[in-house]
């Protein structure tokens, strides 16, 4: 009976050694570890993409605000220039009304011949 118990213990020990050296189980463990690593990498990449997207949105907003501000300044400058030209033209018409009418008529005549 002692021999049977010893042989069973030897078989169990041999099974444990075979299980420890079983390449298929090692491969399964490595695949599981790789899956965890890939999940962690995917999560990190997702966080990076979100962060970069938020940075790009912020930069786009800043650029849009800057362009709007410069556009408004340009419009104001053009309006001021037209107002100054209009005031100057009105002053010239008041000073020399007959000459202004003749010049306007001449310009109108030339334009009508062109078109």
PDB file of N, CA and C in Angstrom:
ATOM      1  N   UNK A   1       0.793  -1.170   0.000  1.00  0.00           N
ATOM      2  CA  UNK A   1       0.000   0.000   0.000  1.00  0.00           C
ATOM      3  C   UNK A   1       0.860   1.268   0.000  1.00  0.00           C
ATOM      4  N   UNK A   2       1.954   1.200   0.643  1.00  0.00           N
ATOM      5  CA  UNK A   2       2.846   2.342   0.671  1.00  0.00           C
ATOM      6  C   UNK A   2       3.382   2.630  -0.712  1.00  0.00           C
ATOM      7  N   UNK A   3       3.533   1.502  -1.454  1.00  0.00           N
ATOM      8  CA  UNK A   3       4.009   1.672  -2.813  1.00  0.00           C
ATOM      9  C   UNK A   3       2.970   2.361  -3.688  1.00  0.00           C
ATOM     10  N   UNK A   4       1.710   2.062  -3.531  1.00  0.00           N
ATOM     11  CA  UNK A   4       0.631   2.668  -4.301  1.00  0.00           C
ATOM     12  C   UNK A   4       0.528   4.162  -3.969  1.00  0.00           C
ATOM     13  N   UNK A   5       0.644   4.510  -2.723  1.00  0.00           N
ATOM     14  CA  UNK A   5       0.579   5.921  -2.326  1.00  0.00           C
ATOM     15  C   UNK A   5       1.769   6.676  -2.885  1.00  0.00           C
ATOM     16  N   UNK A   6       2.921   6.060  -2.881  1.00  0.00           N
ATOM     17  CA  UNK A   6       4.116   6.706  -3.411  1.00  0.00           C
ATOM     18  C   UNK A   6       3.992   6.887  -4.908  1.00  0.00           C
ATOM     19  N   UNK A   7       3.426   5.915  -5.597  1.00  0.00           N
ATOM     20  CA  UNK A   7       3.290   6.032  -7.034  1.00  0.00           C
ATOM     21  C   UNK A   7       2.243   7.085  -7.388  1.00  0.00           C
ATOM     22  N   UNK A   8       1.183   7.204  -6.591  1.00  0.00           N
ATOM     23  CA  UNK A   8       0.180   8.265  -6.839  1.00  0.00           C
ATOM     24  C   UNK A   8       0.804   9.641  -6.594  1.00  0.00           C
ATOM     25  N   UNK A   9       1.573   9.789  -5.557  1.00  0.00           N
ATOM     26  CA  UNK A   9       2.241  11.053  -5.268  1.00  0.00           C
ATOM     27  C   UNK A   9       3.204  11.396  -6.400  1.00  0.00           C
ATOM     28  N   UNK A  10       3.896  10.402  -6.913  1.00  0.00           N
ATOM     29  CA  UNK A  10       4.822  10.629  -8.021  1.00  0.00           C
ATOM     30  C   UNK A  10       4.064  11.061  -9.265  1.00  0.00           C
ATOM     31  N   UNK A  11       2.889  10.445  -9.491  1.00  0.00           N
ATOM     32  CA  UNK A  11       2.082  10.824 -10.655  1.00  0.00           C
ATOM     33  C   UNK A  11       1.592  12.272 -10.529  1.00  0.00           C
ATOM     34  N   UNK A  12       1.129  12.630  -9.340  1.00  0.00           N
ATOM     35  CA  UNK A  12       0.669  14.008  -9.119  1.00  0.00           C
ATOM     36  C   UNK A  12       1.807  14.996  -9.325  1.00  0.00           C
ATOM     37  N   UNK A  13       2.966  14.673  -8.815  1.00  0.00           N
ATOM     38  CA  UNK A  13       4.128  15.528  -8.965  1.00  0.00           C
ATOM     39  C   UNK A  13       4.505  15.649 -10.441  1.00  0.00           C
ATOM     40  N   UNK A  14       4.428  14.560 -11.159  1.00  0.00           N
ATOM     41  CA  UNK A  14       4.735  14.578 -12.599  1.00  0.00           C
ATOM     42  C   UNK A  14       3.707  15.424 -13.345  1.00  0.00           C
ATOM     43  N   UNK A  15       2.436  15.313 -12.966  1.00  0.00           N
ATOM     44  CA  UNK A  15       1.394  16.129 -13.600  1.00  0.00           C
ATOM     45  C   UNK A  15       1.625  17.620 -13.345  1.00  0.00           C
ATOM     46  N   UNK A  16       1.995  17.938 -12.120  1.00  0.00           N
ATOM     47  CA  UNK A  16       2.258  19.343 -11.787  1.00  0.00           C
ATOM     48  C   UNK A  16       3.446  19.875 -12.576  1.00  0.00           C
ATOM     49  N   UNK A  17       4.472  19.066 -12.716  1.00  0.00           N
ATOM     50  CA  UNK A  17       5.645  19.485 -13.499  1.00  0.00           C
ATOM     51  C   UNK A  17       5.249  19.668 -14.958  1.00  0.00           C
ATOM     52  N   UNK A  18       4.451  18.759 -15.484  1.00  0.00           N
ATOM     53  CA  UNK A  18       4.004  18.864 -16.877  1.00  0.00           C
ATOM     54  C   UNK A  18       3.112  20.092 -17.085  1.00  0.00           C
ATOM     55  N   UNK A  19       2.254  20.364 -16.102  1.00  0.00           N
ATOM     56  CA  UNK A  19       1.385  21.539 -16.207  1.00  0.00           C
ATOM     57  C   UNK A  19       2.208  22.817 -16.171  1.00  0.00           C
ATOM     58  N   UNK A  20       3.240  22.831 -15.316  1.00  0.00           N
ATOM     59  CA  UNK A  20       4.076  24.021 -15.219  1.00  0.00           C
ATOM     60  C   UNK A  20       4.847  24.243 -16.504  1.00  0.00           C
ATOM     61  N   UNK A  21       5.199  23.178 -17.185  1.00  0.00           N
ATOM     62  CA  UNK A  21       5.979  23.300 -18.410  1.00  0.00           C
ATOM     63  C   UNK A  21       5.113  23.278 -19.662  1.00  0.00           C
ATOM     64  N   UNK A  22       3.809  23.241 -19.484  1.00  0.00           N
ATOM     65  CA  UNK A  22       2.901  23.159 -20.630  1.00  0.00           C
ATOM     66  C   UNK A  22       2.946  24.469 -21.409  1.00  0.00           C
ATOM     67  N   UNK A  23       3.484  24.453 -22.639  1.00  0.00           N
ATOM     68  CA  UNK A  23       3.603  25.679 -23.417  1.00  0.00           C
ATOM     69  C   UNK A  23       2.254  26.296 -23.777  1.00  0.00           C
ATOM     70  N   UNK A  24       1.238  25.494 -23.913  1.00  0.00           N
ATOM     71  CA  UNK A  24      -0.080  26.025 -24.270  1.00  0.00           C
ATOM     72  C   UNK A  24      -0.616  26.903 -23.140  1.00  0.00           C
ATOM     73  N   UNK A  25      -0.402  26.480 -21.906  1.00  0.00           N
ATOM     74  CA  UNK A  25      -0.874  27.287 -20.780  1.00  0.00           C
ATOM     75  C   UNK A  25      -0.051  28.559 -20.648  1.00  0.00           C
ATOM     76  N   UNK A  26       1.260  28.450 -20.904  1.00  0.00           N
ATOM     77  CA  UNK A  26       2.103  29.647 -20.892  1.00  0.00           C
ATOM     78  C   UNK A  26       1.644  30.616 -21.973  1.00  0.00           C
ATOM     79  N   UNK A  27       1.332  30.086 -23.137  1.00  0.00           N
ATOM     80  CA  UNK A  27       0.870  30.923 -24.246  1.00  0.00           C
ATOM     81  C   UNK A  27      -0.450  31.604 -23.894  1.00  0.00           C
ATOM     82  N   UNK A  28      -1.365  30.882 -23.281  1.00  0.00           N
ATOM     83  CA  UNK A  28      -2.648  31.477 -22.870  1.00  0.00           C
ATOM     84  C   UNK A  28      -2.419  32.609 -21.875  1.00  0.00           C
ATOM     85  N   UNK A  29      -1.503  32.400 -20.947  1.00  0.00           N
ATOM     86  CA  UNK A  29      -1.211  33.438 -19.955  1.00  0.00           C
ATOM     87  C   UNK A  29      -0.601  34.665 -20.623  1.00  0.00           C
ATOM     88  N   UNK A  30       0.303  34.448 -21.567  1.00  0.00           N
ATOM     89  CA  UNK A  30       0.925  35.565 -22.278  1.00  0.00           C
ATOM     90  C   UNK A  30      -0.101  36.312 -23.132  1.00  0.00           C
ATOM     91  N   UNK A  31      -1.011  35.568 -23.763  1.00  0.00           N
ATOM     92  CA  UNK A  31      -2.065  36.201 -24.568  1.00  0.00           C
ATOM     93  C   UNK A  31      -2.966  37.049 -23.672  1.00  0.00           C
ATOM     94  N   UNK A  32      -3.307  36.550 -22.508  1.00  0.00           N
ATOM     95  CA  UNK A  32      -4.138  37.320 -21.572  1.00  0.00           C
ATOM     96  C   UNK A  32      -3.411  38.591 -21.135  1.00  0.00           C
ATOM     97  N   UNK A  33      -2.104  38.481 -20.881  1.00  0.00           N
ATOM     98  CA  UNK A  33      -1.321  39.658 -20.492  1.00  0.00           C
ATOM     99  C   UNK A  33      -1.263  40.663 -21.641  1.00  0.00           C
ATOM    100  N   UNK A  34      -1.096  40.160 -22.866  1.00  0.00           N
ATOM    101  CA  UNK A  34      -1.074  41.048 -24.031  1.00  0.00           C
ATOM    102  C   UNK A  34      -2.409  41.765 -24.207  1.00  0.00           C
ATOM    103  N   UNK A  35      -3.492  41.040 -23.976  1.00  0.00           N
ATOM    104  CA  UNK A  35      -4.812  41.666 -24.094  1.00  0.00           C
ATOM    105  C   UNK A  35      -4.951  42.797 -23.088  1.00  0.00           C
ATOM    106  N   UNK A  36      -4.488  42.575 -21.874  1.00  0.00           N
ATOM    107  CA  UNK A  36      -4.545  43.634 -20.859  1.00  0.00           C
ATOM    108  C   UNK A  36      -3.683  44.824 -21.272  1.00  0.00           C
ATOM    109  N   UNK A  37      -2.481  44.529 -21.800  1.00  0.00           N
ATOM    110  CA  UNK A  37      -1.597  45.610 -22.257  1.00  0.00           C
ATOM    111  C   UNK A  37      -2.227  46.385 -23.403  1.00  0.00           C
ATOM    112  N   UNK A  38      -2.832  45.684 -24.344  1.00  0.00           N
ATOM    113  CA  UNK A  38      -3.469  46.348 -25.485  1.00  0.00           C
ATOM    114  C   UNK A  38      -4.645  47.195 -25.016  1.00  0.00           C
ATOM    115  N   UNK A  39      -5.401  46.692 -24.056  1.00  0.00           N
ATOM    116  CA  UNK A  39      -6.516  47.475 -23.510  1.00  0.00           C
ATOM    117  C   UNK A  39      -5.997  48.741 -22.838  1.00  0.00           C
ATOM    118  N   UNK A  40      -4.888  48.627 -22.108  1.00  0.00           N
ATOM    119  CA  UNK A  40      -4.310  49.801 -21.451  1.00  0.00           C
ATOM    120  C   UNK A  40      -3.782  50.796 -22.484  1.00  0.00           C
ATOM    121  N   UNK A  41      -3.141  50.300 -23.530  1.00  0.00           N
ATOM    122  CA  UNK A  41      -2.629  51.171 -24.592  1.00  0.00           C
ATOM    123  C   UNK A  41      -3.783  51.859 -25.305  1.00  0.00           C
ATOM    124  N   UNK A  42      -4.840  51.123 -25.600  1.00  0.00           N
ATOM    125  CA  UNK A  42      -6.006  51.701 -26.265  1.00  0.00           C
ATOM    126  C   UNK A  42      -6.621  52.805 -25.413  1.00  0.00           C
ATOM    127  N   UNK A  43      -6.709  52.565 -24.126  1.00  0.00           N
ATOM    128  CA  UNK A  43      -7.254  53.574 -23.219  1.00  0.00           C
ATOM    129  C   UNK A  43      -6.377  54.819 -23.203  1.00  0.00           C
ATOM    130  N   UNK A  44      -5.075  54.615 -23.137  1.00  0.00           N
ATOM    131  CA  UNK A  44      -4.139  55.746 -23.133  1.00  0.00           C
ATOM    132  C   UNK A  44      -4.233  56.527 -24.439  1.00  0.00           C
ATOM    133  N   UNK A  45      -4.291  55.810 -25.560  1.00  0.00           N
ATOM    134  CA  UNK A  45      -4.421  56.492 -26.856  1.00  0.00           C
ATOM    135  C   UNK A  45      -5.725  57.274 -26.938  1.00  0.00           C
ATOM    136  N   UNK A  46      -6.790  56.713 -26.397  1.00  0.00           N
ATOM    137  CA  UNK A  46      -8.064  57.430 -26.377  1.00  0.00           C
ATOM    138  C   UNK A  46      -7.961  58.714 -25.576  1.00  0.00           C
ATOM    139  N   UNK A  47      -7.270  58.647 -24.429  1.00  0.00           N
ATOM    140  CA  UNK A  47      -7.085  59.848 -23.615  1.00  0.00           C
ATOM    141  C   UNK A  47      -6.250  60.885 -24.346  1.00  0.00           C
ATOM    142  N   UNK A  48      -5.213  60.428 -25.048  1.00  0.00           N
ATOM    143  CA  UNK A  48      -4.367  61.351 -25.810  1.00  0.00           C
ATOM    144  C   UNK A  48      -5.174  62.021 -26.910  1.00  0.00           C
ATOM    145  N   UNK A  49      -5.986  61.250 -27.614  1.00  0.00           N
ATOM    146  CA  UNK A  49      -6.801  61.807 -28.704  1.00  0.00           C
ATOM    147  C   UNK A  49      -7.779  62.842 -28.152  1.00  0.00           C
ATOM    148  N   UNK A  50      -8.421  62.532 -27.028  1.00  0.00           N
ATOM    149  CA  UNK A  50      -9.350  63.493 -26.416  1.00  0.00           C
ATOM    150  C   UNK A  50      -8.627  64.771 -26.039  1.00  0.00           C
ATOM    151  N   UNK A  51      -7.449  64.631 -25.447  1.00  0.00           N
ATOM    152  CA  UNK A  51      -6.679  65.804 -25.022  1.00  0.00           C
ATOM    153  C   UNK A  51      -6.272  66.646 -26.235  1.00  0.00           C
ATOM    154  N   UNK A  52      -5.765  65.982 -27.273  1.00  0.00           N
ATOM    155  CA  UNK A  52      -5.341  66.715 -28.470  1.00  0.00           C
ATOM    156  C   UNK A  52      -6.539  67.362 -29.171  1.00  0.00           C
ATOM    157  N   UNK A  53      -7.673  66.680 -29.161  1.00  0.00           N
ATOM    158  CA  UNK A  53      -8.882  67.244 -29.767  1.00  0.00           C
ATOM    159  C   UNK A  53      -9.307  68.496 -29.018  1.00  0.00           C
ATOM    160  N   UNK A  54      -9.273  68.436 -27.697  1.00  0.00           N
ATOM    161  CA  UNK A  54      -9.637  69.612 -26.907  1.00  0.00           C
ATOM    162  C   UNK A  54      -8.659  70.754 -27.153  1.00  0.00           C
ATOM    163  N   UNK A  55      -7.366  70.433 -27.277  1.00  0.00           N
ATOM    164  CA  UNK A  55      -6.376  71.468 -27.584  1.00  0.00           C
ATOM    165  C   UNK A  55      -6.648  72.092 -28.949  1.00  0.00           C
ATOM    166  N   UNK A  56      -6.968  71.264 -29.936  1.00  0.00           N
ATOM    167  CA  UNK A  56      -7.238  71.768 -31.287  1.00  0.00           C
ATOM    168  C   UNK A  56      -8.487  72.643 -31.294  1.00  0.00           C
ATOM    169  N   UNK A  57      -9.515  72.241 -30.553  1.00  0.00           N
ATOM    170  CA  UNK A  57     -10.727  73.053 -30.480  1.00  0.00           C
ATOM    171  C   UNK A  57     -10.433  74.401 -29.836  1.00  0.00           C
ATOM    172  N   UNK A  58      -9.652  74.392 -28.774  1.00  0.00           N
ATOM    173  CA  UNK A  58      -9.304  75.636 -28.096  1.00  0.00           C
ATOM    174  C   UNK A  58      -8.511  76.546 -29.023  1.00  0.00           C
ATOM    175  N   UNK A  59      -7.568  75.964 -29.758  1.00  0.00           N
ATOM    176  CA  UNK A  59      -6.769  76.758 -30.694  1.00  0.00           C
ATOM    177  C   UNK A  59      -7.644  77.312 -31.818  1.00  0.00           C
ATOM    178  N   UNK A  60      -8.571  76.511 -32.313  1.00  0.00           N
ATOM    179  CA  UNK A  60      -9.474  76.978 -33.372  1.00  0.00           C
ATOM    180  C   UNK A  60     -10.349  78.129 -32.869  1.00  0.00           C
ATOM    181  N   UNK A  61     -10.839  78.003 -31.629  1.00  0.00           N
ATOM    182  CA  UNK A  61     -11.636  79.107 -31.060  1.00  0.00           C
ATOM    183  C   UNK A  61     -10.806  80.377 -30.940  1.00  0.00           C
ATOM    184  N   UNK A  62      -9.561  80.221 -30.470  1.00  0.00           N
ATOM    185  CA  UNK A  62      -8.689  81.390 -30.305  1.00  0.00           C
ATOM    186  C   UNK A  62      -8.411  82.050 -31.658  1.00  0.00           C
ATOM    187  N   UNK A  63      -8.137  81.234 -32.668  1.00  0.00           N
ATOM    188  CA  UNK A  63      -7.874  81.776 -34.007  1.00  0.00           C
ATOM    189  C   UNK A  63      -9.123  82.465 -34.550  1.00  0.00           C
ATOM    190  N   UNK A  64     -10.311  81.831 -34.363  1.00  0.00           N
ATOM    191  CA  UNK A  64     -11.553  82.436 -34.846  1.00  0.00           C
ATOM    192  C   UNK A  64     -11.800  83.787 -34.184  1.00  0.00           C
ATOM    193  N   UNK A  65     -11.584  83.857 -32.878  1.00  0.00           N
ATOM    194  CA  UNK A  65     -11.782  85.120 -32.165  1.00  0.00           C
ATOM    195  C   UNK A  65     -10.801  86.174 -32.664  1.00  0.00           C
ATOM    196  N   UNK A  66      -9.570  85.760 -32.919  1.00  0.00           N
ATOM    197  CA  UNK A  66      -8.557  86.683 -33.413  1.00  0.00           C
ATOM    198  C   UNK A  66      -8.933  87.200 -34.806  1.00  0.00           C
ATOM    199  N   UNK A  67      -9.389  86.298 -35.667  1.00  0.00           N
ATOM    200  CA  UNK A  67      -9.798  86.693 -37.024  1.00  0.00           C
ATOM    201  C   UNK A  67     -11.011  87.614 -36.967  1.00  0.00           C
ATOM    202  N   UNK A  68     -11.974  87.288 -36.099  1.00  0.00           N
ATOM    203  CA  UNK A  68     -13.159  88.142 -35.968  1.00  0.00           C
ATOM    204  C   UNK A  68     -12.761  89.540 -35.513  1.00  0.00           C
ATOM    205  N   UNK A  69     -11.854  89.602 -34.541  1.00  0.00           N
ATOM    206  CA  UNK A  69     -11.423  90.903 -34.039  1.00  0.00           C
ATOM    207  C   UNK A  69     -10.727  91.706 -35.134  1.00  0.00           C
ATOM    208  N   UNK A  70      -9.828  91.057 -35.885  1.00  0.00           N
ATOM    209  CA  UNK A  70      -9.141  91.763 -36.977  1.00  0.00           C
ATOM    210  C   UNK A  70     -10.115  92.149 -38.079  1.00  0.00           C
ATOM    211  N   UNK A  71     -11.092  91.289 -38.360  1.00  0.00           N
ATOM    212  CA  UNK A  71     -12.099  91.608 -39.373  1.00  0.00           C
ATOM    213  C   UNK A  71     -12.935  92.814 -38.967  1.00  0.00           C
ATOM    214  N   UNK A  72     -13.333  92.852 -37.707  1.00  0.00           N
ATOM    215  CA  UNK A  72     -14.109  93.997 -37.214  1.00  0.00           C
ATOM    216  C   UNK A  72     -13.290  95.278 -37.285  1.00  0.00           C
ATOM    217  N   UNK A  73     -12.005  95.177 -36.953  1.00  0.00           N
ATOM    218  CA  UNK A  73     -11.134  96.353 -37.042  1.00  0.00           C
ATOM    219  C   UNK A  73     -11.002  96.824 -38.486  1.00  0.00           C
ATOM    220  N   UNK A  74     -10.889  95.873 -39.422  1.00  0.00           N
ATOM    221  CA  UNK A  74     -10.772  96.232 -40.840  1.00  0.00           C
ATOM    222  C   UNK A  74     -12.052  96.899 -41.332  1.00  0.00           C
ATOM    223  N   UNK A  75     -13.198  96.356 -40.932  1.00  0.00           N
ATOM    224  CA  UNK A  75     -14.479  96.941 -41.335  1.00  0.00           C
ATOM    225  C   UNK A  75     -14.598  98.359 -40.781  1.00  0.00           C
ATOM    226  N   UNK A  76     -14.221  98.548 -39.541  1.00  0.00           N
ATOM    227  CA  UNK A  76     -14.277  99.889 -38.941  1.00  0.00           C
ATOM    228  C   UNK A  76     -13.355 100.857 -39.669  1.00  0.00           C
ATOM    229  N   UNK A  77     -12.168 100.380 -40.041  1.00  0.00           N
ATOM    230  CA  UNK A  77     -11.225 101.230 -40.775  1.00  0.00           C
ATOM    231  C   UNK A  77     -11.790 101.624 -42.127  1.00  0.00           C
ATOM    232  N   UNK A  78     -12.376 100.664 -42.839  1.00  0.00           N
ATOM    233  CA  UNK A  78     -12.966 100.951 -44.157  1.00  0.00           C
ATOM    234  C   UNK A  78     -14.140 101.921 -44.005  1.00  0.00           C
ATOM    235  N   UNK A  79     -14.971 101.700 -42.989  1.00  0.00           N
ATOM    236  CA  UNK A  79     -16.106 102.606 -42.763  1.00  0.00           C
ATOM    237  C   UNK A  79     -15.618 104.015 -42.466  1.00  0.00           C
ATOM    238  N   UNK A  80     -14.582 104.131 -41.643  1.00  0.00           N
ATOM    239  CA  UNK A  80     -14.028 105.452 -41.336  1.00  0.00           C
ATOM    240  C   UNK A  80     -13.480 106.122 -42.591  1.00  0.00           C
ATOM    241  N   UNK A  81     -12.821 105.344 -43.456  1.00  0.00           N
ATOM    242  CA  UNK A  81     -12.277 105.894 -44.698  1.00  0.00           C
ATOM    243  C   UNK A  81     -13.399 106.376 -45.616  1.00  0.00           C
ATOM    244  N   UNK A  82     -14.466 105.577 -45.747  1.00  0.00           N
ATOM    245  CA  UNK A  82     -15.590 106.003 -46.587  1.00  0.00           C
ATOM    246  C   UNK A  82     -16.278 107.241 -46.013  1.00  0.00           C
ATOM    247  N   UNK A  83     -16.422 107.287 -44.706  1.00  0.00           N
ATOM    248  CA  UNK A  83     -17.044 108.459 -44.089  1.00  0.00           C
ATOM    249  C   UNK A  83     -16.196 109.710 -44.324  1.00  0.00           C
ATOM    250  N   UNK A  84     -14.868 109.563 -44.218  1.00  0.00           N
ATOM    251  CA  UNK A  84     -13.976 110.705 -44.467  1.00  0.00           C
ATOM    252  C   UNK A  84     -14.061 111.141 -45.924  1.00  0.00           C
ATOM    253  N   UNK A  85     -14.074 110.156 -46.849  1.00  0.00           N
ATOM    254  CA  UNK A  85     -14.170 110.496 -48.273  1.00  0.00           C
ATOM    255  C   UNK A  85     -15.507 111.152 -48.570  1.00  0.00           C
ATOM    256  N   UNK A  86     -16.584 110.667 -47.957  1.00  0.00           N
ATOM    257  CA  UNK A  86     -17.908 111.250 -48.160  1.00  0.00           C
ATOM    258  C   UNK A  86     -17.947 112.695 -47.660  1.00  0.00           C
ATOM    259  N   UNK A  87     -17.371 112.923 -46.492  1.00  0.00           N
ATOM    260  CA  UNK A  87     -17.348 114.287 -45.939  1.00  0.00           C
ATOM    261  C   UNK A  87     -16.546 115.223 -46.833  1.00  0.00           C
ATOM    262  N   UNK A  88     -15.416 114.705 -47.333  1.00  0.00           N
ATOM    263  CA  UNK A  88     -14.579 115.528 -48.211  1.00  0.00           C
ATOM    264  C   UNK A  88     -15.306 115.837 -49.516  1.00  0.00           C
ATOM    265  N   UNK A  89     -15.993 114.841 -50.072  1.00  0.00           N
ATOM    266  CA  UNK A  89     -16.738 115.031 -51.316  1.00  0.00           C
ATOM    267  C   UNK A  89     -17.875 116.035 -51.123  1.00  0.00           C
ATOM    268  N   UNK A  90     -18.577 115.942 -50.006  1.00  0.00           N
ATOM    269  CA  UNK A  90     -19.649 116.899 -49.718  1.00  0.00           C
ATOM    270  C   UNK A  90     -19.103 118.317 -49.592  1.00  0.00           C
ATOM    271  N   UNK A  91     -17.932 118.448 -48.963  1.00  0.00           N
ATOM    272  CA  UNK A  91     -17.327 119.771 -48.815  1.00  0.00           C
ATOM    273  C   UNK A  91     -16.952 120.358 -50.172  1.00  0.00           C
ATOM    274  N   UNK A  92     -16.417 119.512 -51.056  1.00  0.00           N
ATOM    275  CA  UNK A  92     -16.038 119.983 -52.398  1.00  0.00           C
ATOM    276  C   UNK A  92     -17.283 120.383 -53.179  1.00  0.00           C
ATOM    277  N   UNK A  93     -18.350 119.591 -53.068  1.00  0.00           N
ATOM    278  CA  UNK A  93     -19.595 119.916 -53.792  1.00  0.00           C
ATOM    279  C   UNK A  93     -20.163 121.232 -53.294  1.00  0.00           C
ATOM    280  N   UNK A  94     -20.087 121.485 -51.995  1.00  0.00           N
ATOM    281  CA  UNK A  94     -20.602 122.760 -51.439  1.00  0.00           C
ATOM    282  C   UNK A  94     -19.763 123.948 -51.911  1.00  0.00           C
ATOM    283  N   UNK A  95     -18.437 123.731 -52.022  1.00  0.00           N
ATOM    284  CA  UNK A  95     -17.562 124.834 -52.446  1.00  0.00           C
ATOM    285  C   UNK A  95     -17.724 125.141 -53.936  1.00  0.00           C
ATOM    286  N   UNK A  96     -17.837 124.088 -54.761  1.00  0.00           N
ATOM    287  CA  UNK A  96     -17.899 124.292 -56.208  1.00  0.00           C
ATOM    288  C   UNK A  96     -19.037 123.438 -56.779  1.00  0.00           C
ATOM    289  N   UNK A  97     -20.278 123.880 -56.610  1.00  0.00           N
ATOM    290  CA  UNK A  97     -21.402 123.058 -57.063  1.00  0.00           C
ATOM    291  C   UNK A  97     -21.466 122.888 -58.581  1.00  0.00           C
ATOM    292  N   UNK A  98     -21.187 123.925 -59.340  1.00  0.00           N
ATOM    293  CA  UNK A  98     -21.299 123.836 -60.807  1.00  0.00           C
ATOM    294  C   UNK A  98     -20.220 122.903 -61.360  1.00  0.00           C
ATOM    295  N   UNK A  99     -19.011 123.059 -60.893  1.00  0.00           N
ATOM    296  CA  UNK A  99     -17.921 122.186 -61.351  1.00  0.00           C
ATOM    297  C   UNK A  99     -18.222 120.728 -60.997  1.00  0.00           C
ATOM    298  N   UNK A 100     -18.775 120.502 -59.824  1.00  0.00           N
ATOM    299  CA  UNK A 100     -19.094 119.141 -59.382  1.00  0.00           C
ATOM    300  C   UNK A 100     -20.144 118.507 -60.285  1.00  0.00           C
ATOM    301  N   UNK A 101     -21.172 119.285 -60.667  1.00  0.00           N
ATOM    302  CA  UNK A 101     -22.222 118.764 -61.543  1.00  0.00           C
ATOM    303  C   UNK A 101     -21.644 118.449 -62.914  1.00  0.00           C
ATOM    304  N   UNK A 102     -20.771 119.309 -63.433  1.00  0.00           N
ATOM    305  CA  UNK A 102     -20.174 119.069 -64.746  1.00  0.00           C
ATOM    306  C   UNK A 102     -19.265 117.835 -64.727  1.00  0.00           C
ATOM    307  N   UNK A 103     -18.498 117.688 -63.647  1.00  0.00           N
ATOM    308  CA  UNK A 103     -17.623 116.510 -63.532  1.00  0.00           C
ATOM    309  C   UNK A 103     -18.483 115.246 -63.451  1.00  0.00           C
ATOM    310  N   UNK A 104     -19.552 115.269 -62.659  1.00  0.00           N
ATOM    311  CA  UNK A 104     -20.431 114.105 -62.528  1.00  0.00           C
ATOM    312  C   UNK A 104     -21.075 113.769 -63.871  1.00  0.00           C
ATOM    313  N   UNK A 105     -21.489 114.790 -64.609  1.00  0.00           N
ATOM    314  CA  UNK A 105     -22.093 114.557 -65.924  1.00  0.00           C
ATOM    315  C   UNK A 105     -21.071 113.948 -66.874  1.00  0.00           C
ATOM    316  N   UNK A 106     -19.851 114.427 -66.839  1.00  0.00           N
ATOM    317  CA  UNK A 106     -18.783 113.893 -67.707  1.00  0.00           C
ATOM    318  C   UNK A 106     -18.500 112.441 -67.356  1.00  0.00           C
ATOM    319  N   UNK A 107     -18.425 112.125 -66.101  1.00  0.00           N
ATOM    320  CA  UNK A 107     -18.173 110.739 -65.669  1.00  0.00           C
ATOM    321  C   UNK A 107     -19.332 109.850 -66.103  1.00  0.00           C
ATOM    322  N   UNK A 108     -20.541 110.317 -65.949  1.00  0.00           N
ATOM    323  CA  UNK A 108     -21.705 109.551 -66.356  1.00  0.00           C
ATOM    324  C   UNK A 108     -21.695 109.287 -67.854  1.00  0.00           C
ATOM    325  N   UNK A 109     -21.298 110.294 -68.648  1.00  0.00           N
ATOM    326  CA  UNK A 109     -21.246 110.158 -70.106  1.00  0.00           C
ATOM    327  C   UNK A 109     -20.205 109.102 -70.506  1.00  0.00           C
ATOM    328  N   UNK A 110     -19.037 109.174 -69.882  1.00  0.00           N
ATOM    329  CA  UNK A 110     -17.962 108.215 -70.205  1.00  0.00           C
ATOM    330  C   UNK A 110     -18.411 106.777 -69.850  1.00  0.00           C
ATOM    331  N   UNK A 111     -19.023 106.624 -68.705  1.00  0.00           N
ATOM    332  CA  UNK A 111     -19.486 105.301 -68.287  1.00  0.00           C
ATOM    333  C   UNK A 111     -20.555 104.778 -69.215  1.00  0.00           C
ATOM    334  N   UNK A 112     -21.457 105.669 -69.686  1.00  0.00           N
ATOM    335  CA  UNK A 112     -22.515 105.211 -70.583  1.00  0.00           C
ATOM    336  C   UNK A 112     -21.928 104.766 -71.936  1.00  0.00           C
ATOM    337  N   UNK A 113     -20.853 105.372 -72.363  1.00  0.00           N
ATOM    338  CA  UNK A 113     -20.207 104.981 -73.630  1.00  0.00           C
ATOM    339  C   UNK A 113     -19.465 103.649 -73.473  1.00  0.00           C
ATOM    340  N   UNK A 114     -18.925 103.435 -72.310  1.00  0.00           N
ATOM    341  CA  UNK A 114     -18.197 102.185 -72.054  1.00  0.00           C
ATOM    342  C   UNK A 114     -19.166 101.013 -72.027  1.00  0.00           C
ATOM    343  N   UNK A 115     -20.258 101.170 -71.348  1.00  0.00           N
ATOM    344  CA  UNK A 115     -21.215 100.084 -71.204  1.00  0.00           C
ATOM    345  C   UNK A 115     -22.117 100.049 -72.414  1.00  0.00           C
TER     346      UNK A 115
END
